[in-house]
Amino acid sequence: MQRKLRLQSRHEFARIYRNGKSFANSQFVVYWSRQPEADPIRLGVSASKKIGNAVVRNRMRRLVKEIVRQHADRISEKHDLIVIVRKAAVGLKMKELEKSMLHVLKKAGLLKPLR
């Protein structure tokens, strides 16, 4: 994920939490909002201390960013996304995480139909 496509500031997160919509499954919660800028999509990942130590949290962040990077062409453009990782996601393999992430994005209506 390119640095310019990341959500980092507190006010960006607060804007999406306040004005955005959310959808969830047992592994992830996705908050999303239309973005005012012209970037394709911007992503923020949140992993609380409840899911594990710093090594576990950073690994989950990297995996989520990689899944979104691989499927960026399928995700609707001009959106800001915040993905919250839940404890149930920690023990899963990459393919299971990918399936779960695509499920919650589809549930949120953010996936483009396959051609």
N, C-alpha and C. Protein backbone atom coordinates (compact mmCIF):
# COMPACT_ATOMS: atom_id res chain seq x y z
N MET A 1 0.85 -1.18 0.00
CA MET A 1 0.00 0.00 0.00
C MET A 1 0.89 1.23 0.00
N GLN A 2 0.68 2.09 -0.94
CA GLN A 2 1.49 3.30 -1.02
C GLN A 2 1.18 4.22 0.15
N ARG A 3 2.19 4.94 0.58
CA ARG A 3 2.03 5.82 1.75
C ARG A 3 0.94 6.87 1.54
N LYS A 4 0.82 7.41 0.34
CA LYS A 4 -0.18 8.45 0.11
C LYS A 4 -1.60 7.89 0.14
N LEU A 5 -1.74 6.57 0.05
CA LEU A 5 -3.07 5.95 0.06
C LEU A 5 -3.44 5.42 1.44
N ARG A 6 -2.73 5.84 2.48
CA ARG A 6 -3.04 5.42 3.84
C ARG A 6 -3.74 6.53 4.60
N LEU A 7 -4.66 6.13 5.44
CA LEU A 7 -5.26 7.07 6.39
C LEU A 7 -4.38 7.05 7.62
N GLN A 8 -3.96 8.21 8.08
CA GLN A 8 -3.06 8.24 9.23
C GLN A 8 -3.50 9.22 10.31
N SER A 9 -4.10 10.33 9.93
CA SER A 9 -4.38 11.34 10.94
C SER A 9 -5.66 11.03 11.72
N ARG A 10 -5.68 11.49 12.92
CA ARG A 10 -6.80 11.26 13.83
C ARG A 10 -8.10 11.85 13.29
N HIS A 11 -8.02 13.02 12.66
CA HIS A 11 -9.25 13.64 12.17
C HIS A 11 -9.84 12.90 10.98
N GLU A 12 -9.01 12.25 10.16
CA GLU A 12 -9.54 11.42 9.06
C GLU A 12 -10.28 10.21 9.61
N PHE A 13 -9.69 9.55 10.61
CA PHE A 13 -10.36 8.42 11.24
C PHE A 13 -11.68 8.86 11.88
N ALA A 14 -11.64 9.99 12.58
CA ALA A 14 -12.84 10.49 13.27
C ALA A 14 -13.94 10.82 12.27
N ARG A 15 -13.57 11.41 11.14
CA ARG A 15 -14.57 11.75 10.12
C ARG A 15 -15.27 10.50 9.60
N ILE A 16 -14.52 9.44 9.38
CA ILE A 16 -15.11 8.22 8.84
C ILE A 16 -15.96 7.52 9.90
N TYR A 17 -15.47 7.47 11.15
CA TYR A 17 -16.27 6.87 12.22
C TYR A 17 -17.58 7.64 12.40
N ARG A 18 -17.52 8.95 12.32
CA ARG A 18 -18.69 9.79 12.58
C ARG A 18 -19.68 9.77 11.42
N ASN A 19 -19.19 9.89 10.18
CA ASN A 19 -20.07 10.05 9.02
C ASN A 19 -20.20 8.81 8.15
N GLY A 20 -19.37 7.80 8.40
CA GLY A 20 -19.36 6.64 7.52
C GLY A 20 -20.37 5.58 7.91
N LYS A 21 -20.38 4.53 7.12
CA LYS A 21 -21.22 3.37 7.37
C LYS A 21 -20.32 2.22 7.80
N SER A 22 -20.89 1.25 8.50
CA SER A 22 -20.07 0.12 8.94
C SER A 22 -20.76 -1.20 8.65
N PHE A 23 -19.95 -2.19 8.38
CA PHE A 23 -20.39 -3.55 8.18
C PHE A 23 -19.37 -4.46 8.84
N ALA A 24 -19.83 -5.63 9.31
CA ALA A 24 -18.92 -6.49 10.08
C ALA A 24 -19.23 -7.95 9.83
N ASN A 25 -18.21 -8.76 10.07
CA ASN A 25 -18.38 -10.20 10.23
C ASN A 25 -17.56 -10.57 11.47
N SER A 26 -17.34 -11.83 11.70
CA SER A 26 -16.67 -12.21 12.95
C SER A 26 -15.18 -11.87 12.98
N GLN A 27 -14.55 -11.63 11.82
CA GLN A 27 -13.12 -11.33 11.79
C GLN A 27 -12.80 -9.85 11.60
N PHE A 28 -13.65 -9.11 10.89
CA PHE A 28 -13.35 -7.72 10.55
C PHE A 28 -14.57 -6.83 10.71
N VAL A 29 -14.30 -5.56 10.97
CA VAL A 29 -15.31 -4.50 10.88
C VAL A 29 -14.77 -3.51 9.86
N VAL A 30 -15.62 -3.10 8.92
CA VAL A 30 -15.21 -2.13 7.91
C VAL A 30 -16.09 -0.90 8.04
N TYR A 31 -15.45 0.24 8.25
CA TYR A 31 -16.11 1.54 8.18
C TYR A 31 -15.70 2.15 6.85
N TRP A 32 -16.65 2.74 6.15
CA TRP A 32 -16.31 3.37 4.88
C TRP A 32 -17.10 4.65 4.68
N SER A 33 -16.51 5.51 3.89
CA SER A 33 -17.11 6.80 3.59
C SER A 33 -16.61 7.26 2.22
N ARG A 34 -17.46 8.00 1.51
CA ARG A 34 -17.01 8.61 0.26
C ARG A 34 -15.95 9.64 0.62
N GLN A 35 -14.92 9.74 -0.20
CA GLN A 35 -13.84 10.68 0.10
C GLN A 35 -13.91 11.90 -0.79
N PRO A 36 -13.52 13.03 -0.25
CA PRO A 36 -13.54 14.25 -1.05
C PRO A 36 -12.38 14.34 -2.05
N GLU A 37 -11.27 13.68 -1.77
CA GLU A 37 -10.10 13.76 -2.66
C GLU A 37 -10.29 12.83 -3.86
N ALA A 38 -9.33 12.88 -4.76
CA ALA A 38 -9.41 12.12 -6.00
C ALA A 38 -8.59 10.83 -5.99
N ASP A 39 -8.16 10.37 -4.81
CA ASP A 39 -7.40 9.11 -4.75
C ASP A 39 -8.33 7.95 -5.03
N PRO A 40 -7.80 6.82 -5.52
CA PRO A 40 -8.67 5.67 -5.79
C PRO A 40 -9.35 5.16 -4.50
N ILE A 41 -8.58 4.65 -3.58
CA ILE A 41 -9.09 4.29 -2.25
C ILE A 41 -8.00 4.60 -1.25
N ARG A 42 -8.41 4.93 -0.03
CA ARG A 42 -7.43 5.11 1.05
C ARG A 42 -7.82 4.16 2.16
N LEU A 43 -6.82 3.62 2.84
CA LEU A 43 -7.05 2.57 3.82
C LEU A 43 -6.39 2.90 5.14
N GLY A 44 -7.10 2.61 6.22
CA GLY A 44 -6.55 2.66 7.57
C GLY A 44 -6.87 1.34 8.24
N VAL A 45 -5.93 0.80 8.99
CA VAL A 45 -6.13 -0.48 9.67
C VAL A 45 -5.94 -0.27 11.16
N SER A 46 -6.87 -0.80 11.93
CA SER A 46 -6.81 -0.68 13.37
C SER A 46 -6.81 -2.07 13.98
N ALA A 47 -5.85 -2.31 14.87
CA ALA A 47 -5.75 -3.59 15.58
C ALA A 47 -5.47 -3.27 17.04
N SER A 48 -6.41 -3.56 17.91
CA SER A 48 -6.26 -3.18 19.31
C SER A 48 -5.36 -4.16 20.05
N LYS A 49 -4.98 -3.78 21.25
CA LYS A 49 -4.13 -4.63 22.08
C LYS A 49 -4.83 -5.91 22.51
N LYS A 50 -6.14 -5.96 22.37
CA LYS A 50 -6.90 -7.15 22.73
C LYS A 50 -6.53 -8.35 21.87
N ILE A 51 -6.05 -8.11 20.65
CA ILE A 51 -5.78 -9.24 19.76
C ILE A 51 -4.39 -9.83 19.95
N GLY A 52 -3.51 -9.15 20.65
CA GLY A 52 -2.19 -9.71 20.89
C GLY A 52 -1.14 -8.64 21.05
N ASN A 53 0.10 -9.10 21.12
CA ASN A 53 1.21 -8.16 21.31
C ASN A 53 1.52 -7.43 20.00
N ALA A 54 2.54 -6.59 20.01
CA ALA A 54 2.86 -5.76 18.86
C ALA A 54 3.19 -6.58 17.61
N VAL A 55 3.82 -7.71 17.80
CA VAL A 55 4.17 -8.56 16.66
C VAL A 55 2.90 -9.05 15.97
N VAL A 56 1.94 -9.51 16.74
CA VAL A 56 0.68 -10.01 16.20
C VAL A 56 -0.10 -8.88 15.52
N ARG A 57 -0.20 -7.74 16.18
CA ARG A 57 -0.95 -6.61 15.62
C ARG A 57 -0.35 -6.13 14.31
N ASN A 58 0.97 -6.00 14.27
CA ASN A 58 1.62 -5.54 13.03
C ASN A 58 1.50 -6.56 11.91
N ARG A 59 1.56 -7.84 12.25
CA ARG A 59 1.39 -8.88 11.23
C ARG A 59 -0.01 -8.82 10.64
N MET A 60 -1.01 -8.64 11.48
CA MET A 60 -2.39 -8.55 10.99
C MET A 60 -2.57 -7.30 10.12
N ARG A 61 -1.96 -6.20 10.49
CA ARG A 61 -2.03 -4.98 9.67
C ARG A 61 -1.41 -5.22 8.30
N ARG A 62 -0.24 -5.86 8.29
CA ARG A 62 0.42 -6.14 7.01
C ARG A 62 -0.43 -7.05 6.13
N LEU A 63 -1.03 -8.08 6.72
CA LEU A 63 -1.86 -9.01 5.94
C LEU A 63 -3.09 -8.31 5.36
N VAL A 64 -3.73 -7.47 6.16
CA VAL A 64 -4.91 -6.74 5.67
C VAL A 64 -4.52 -5.80 4.54
N LYS A 65 -3.43 -5.08 4.69
CA LYS A 65 -2.98 -4.17 3.63
C LYS A 65 -2.66 -4.94 2.35
N GLU A 66 -2.07 -6.11 2.49
CA GLU A 66 -1.73 -6.92 1.32
C GLU A 66 -2.99 -7.42 0.62
N ILE A 67 -3.98 -7.84 1.38
CA ILE A 67 -5.24 -8.30 0.79
C ILE A 67 -5.91 -7.15 0.02
N VAL A 68 -5.95 -5.98 0.61
CA VAL A 68 -6.56 -4.83 -0.05
C VAL A 68 -5.74 -4.45 -1.29
N ARG A 69 -4.43 -4.50 -1.20
CA ARG A 69 -3.59 -4.18 -2.35
C ARG A 69 -3.85 -5.13 -3.52
N GLN A 70 -3.97 -6.43 -3.21
CA GLN A 70 -4.20 -7.42 -4.26
C GLN A 70 -5.57 -7.26 -4.92
N HIS A 71 -6.54 -6.78 -4.18
CA HIS A 71 -7.90 -6.66 -4.71
C HIS A 71 -8.33 -5.21 -4.92
N ALA A 72 -7.38 -4.30 -5.00
CA ALA A 72 -7.69 -2.87 -5.15
C ALA A 72 -8.48 -2.59 -6.42
N ASP A 73 -8.24 -3.36 -7.47
CA ASP A 73 -8.97 -3.14 -8.72
C ASP A 73 -10.44 -3.54 -8.62
N ARG A 74 -10.79 -4.39 -7.64
CA ARG A 74 -12.18 -4.83 -7.45
C ARG A 74 -12.94 -3.94 -6.47
N ILE A 75 -12.24 -3.11 -5.71
CA ILE A 75 -12.89 -2.28 -4.70
C ILE A 75 -13.31 -0.96 -5.35
N SER A 76 -14.54 -0.54 -5.05
CA SER A 76 -15.06 0.71 -5.60
C SER A 76 -14.13 1.87 -5.27
N GLU A 77 -13.93 2.74 -6.24
CA GLU A 77 -13.00 3.85 -6.08
C GLU A 77 -13.65 5.01 -5.33
N LYS A 78 -12.81 5.97 -4.95
CA LYS A 78 -13.22 7.18 -4.25
C LYS A 78 -13.85 6.89 -2.88
N HIS A 79 -13.26 5.94 -2.16
CA HIS A 79 -13.72 5.61 -0.82
C HIS A 79 -12.55 5.62 0.17
N ASP A 80 -12.87 5.98 1.40
CA ASP A 80 -11.94 5.81 2.51
C ASP A 80 -12.43 4.61 3.31
N LEU A 81 -11.52 3.70 3.62
CA LEU A 81 -11.87 2.49 4.37
C LEU A 81 -11.08 2.43 5.66
N ILE A 82 -11.74 2.01 6.73
CA ILE A 82 -11.05 1.66 7.96
C ILE A 82 -11.41 0.21 8.25
N VAL A 83 -10.40 -0.62 8.41
CA VAL A 83 -10.61 -2.03 8.73
C VAL A 83 -10.16 -2.24 10.17
N ILE A 84 -11.07 -2.76 10.99
CA ILE A 84 -10.75 -3.10 12.37
C ILE A 84 -10.63 -4.61 12.44
N VAL A 85 -9.49 -5.07 12.92
CA VAL A 85 -9.23 -6.51 13.02
C VAL A 85 -9.75 -7.01 14.36
N ARG A 86 -10.54 -8.07 14.32
CA ARG A 86 -11.06 -8.68 15.54
C ARG A 86 -10.19 -9.88 15.93
N LYS A 87 -10.33 -10.31 17.17
CA LYS A 87 -9.51 -11.38 17.72
C LYS A 87 -9.68 -12.70 16.94
N ALA A 88 -10.86 -12.94 16.40
CA ALA A 88 -11.12 -14.17 15.66
C ALA A 88 -10.26 -14.30 14.40
N ALA A 89 -9.72 -13.20 13.91
CA ALA A 89 -8.91 -13.23 12.69
C ALA A 89 -7.48 -13.67 12.93
N VAL A 90 -7.03 -13.67 14.18
CA VAL A 90 -5.62 -13.88 14.46
C VAL A 90 -5.13 -15.26 14.05
N GLY A 91 -5.88 -16.31 14.27
CA GLY A 91 -5.40 -17.66 13.99
C GLY A 91 -5.62 -18.14 12.58
N LEU A 92 -6.20 -17.32 11.72
CA LEU A 92 -6.56 -17.78 10.38
C LEU A 92 -5.39 -17.70 9.40
N LYS A 93 -5.45 -18.55 8.40
CA LYS A 93 -4.48 -18.54 7.31
C LYS A 93 -4.81 -17.39 6.34
N MET A 94 -3.88 -17.09 5.48
CA MET A 94 -4.03 -15.96 4.54
C MET A 94 -5.26 -16.13 3.65
N LYS A 95 -5.50 -17.31 3.12
CA LYS A 95 -6.65 -17.54 2.24
C LYS A 95 -7.96 -17.33 2.98
N GLU A 96 -8.02 -17.76 4.24
CA GLU A 96 -9.23 -17.57 5.03
C GLU A 96 -9.46 -16.10 5.34
N LEU A 97 -8.37 -15.37 5.64
CA LEU A 97 -8.47 -13.94 5.88
C LEU A 97 -8.95 -13.22 4.62
N GLU A 98 -8.42 -13.63 3.48
CA GLU A 98 -8.80 -13.01 2.21
C GLU A 98 -10.28 -13.24 1.93
N LYS A 99 -10.74 -14.46 2.15
CA LYS A 99 -12.15 -14.79 1.93
C LYS A 99 -13.04 -13.97 2.87
N SER A 100 -12.64 -13.85 4.12
CA SER A 100 -13.42 -13.09 5.09
C SER A 100 -13.44 -11.60 4.74
N MET A 101 -12.31 -11.06 4.33
CA MET A 101 -12.24 -9.65 3.96
C MET A 101 -13.12 -9.36 2.75
N LEU A 102 -13.06 -10.22 1.73
CA LEU A 102 -13.89 -10.03 0.55
C LEU A 102 -15.37 -10.15 0.90
N HIS A 103 -15.69 -11.03 1.85
CA HIS A 103 -17.08 -11.18 2.30
C HIS A 103 -17.60 -9.88 2.92
N VAL A 104 -16.82 -9.29 3.82
CA VAL A 104 -17.29 -8.07 4.48
C VAL A 104 -17.32 -6.89 3.51
N LEU A 105 -16.41 -6.84 2.55
CA LEU A 105 -16.44 -5.77 1.55
C LEU A 105 -17.65 -5.93 0.63
N LYS A 106 -17.98 -7.17 0.29
CA LYS A 106 -19.16 -7.43 -0.54
C LYS A 106 -20.42 -7.07 0.23
N LYS A 107 -20.45 -7.40 1.51
CA LYS A 107 -21.58 -7.07 2.38
C LYS A 107 -21.78 -5.56 2.45
N ALA A 108 -20.69 -4.82 2.44
CA ALA A 108 -20.74 -3.36 2.49
C ALA A 108 -21.07 -2.74 1.13
N GLY A 109 -21.07 -3.56 0.07
CA GLY A 109 -21.36 -3.05 -1.27
C GLY A 109 -20.20 -2.33 -1.90
N LEU A 110 -18.98 -2.66 -1.47
CA LEU A 110 -17.79 -1.97 -1.98
C LEU A 110 -17.06 -2.74 -3.08
N LEU A 111 -17.48 -3.96 -3.37
CA LEU A 111 -16.82 -4.74 -4.41
C LEU A 111 -17.53 -4.55 -5.75
N LYS A 112 -16.75 -4.34 -6.78
CA LYS A 112 -17.28 -4.27 -8.13
C LYS A 112 -17.61 -5.69 -8.57
N PRO A 113 -18.61 -5.87 -9.42
CA PRO A 113 -18.90 -7.23 -9.90
C PRO A 113 -17.77 -7.75 -10.79
N LEU A 114 -17.55 -9.05 -10.73
CA LEU A 114 -16.53 -9.67 -11.58
C LEU A 114 -16.97 -9.63 -13.03
N ARG A 115 -16.00 -9.45 -13.92
CA ARG A 115 -16.30 -9.39 -15.35
C ARG A 115 -16.06 -10.71 -15.99
